[in-house]
Amino acid sequence: MKWIRTSIVMTLGFAALAGCEGEVGPDPDAPFCGGIAGFPCPGEGTCVDDPRDDCDPQQGGADCGGLCQCRPFAACAAGERWDASPEVCACVPETTGESCGDVTCGPGLVCCNASCGICTEPGGVCIQIACE
């Protein structure tokens, strides 16, 4: 009886995982991959079938185009972080600078005008205008 209960729990667990995977799917705005030219995905991305087209590689479709999907699994080196966006899907340098509007100031720089996203050395000259 214990074996049957374990089997049922395992079967339900696998079904739940499979259902979850199917529901998530690739981002429709992800980069194009595959096709007859075999376009690769950036970084560690995986090319998966595009569910929006009629080409199905599981049903004999050859040279189907796909969408890049990123599943974070890499361990990044010190000073790097994982960027799981489908356009990158790789380790990138950490940005630890000061936030300045839409940008991040680099090492040794400070934000002098957040409206324009301008960074300078501490005590440097900075234009004081309002940007959009």
Foldseek 3Di string as FASTA:
>chain_A
DVVVVVVVVVVVVVVVVVVVVVVVDADPPADKAWAPVGRDFADPWDWDADPVDPADVVVVRPRGMGGTAADDDDDDDPQWDADRGRNHNHIDGDQPAPQAAPDGDHPQWDHDHSQVRDIDHVVDDDDDDHDD
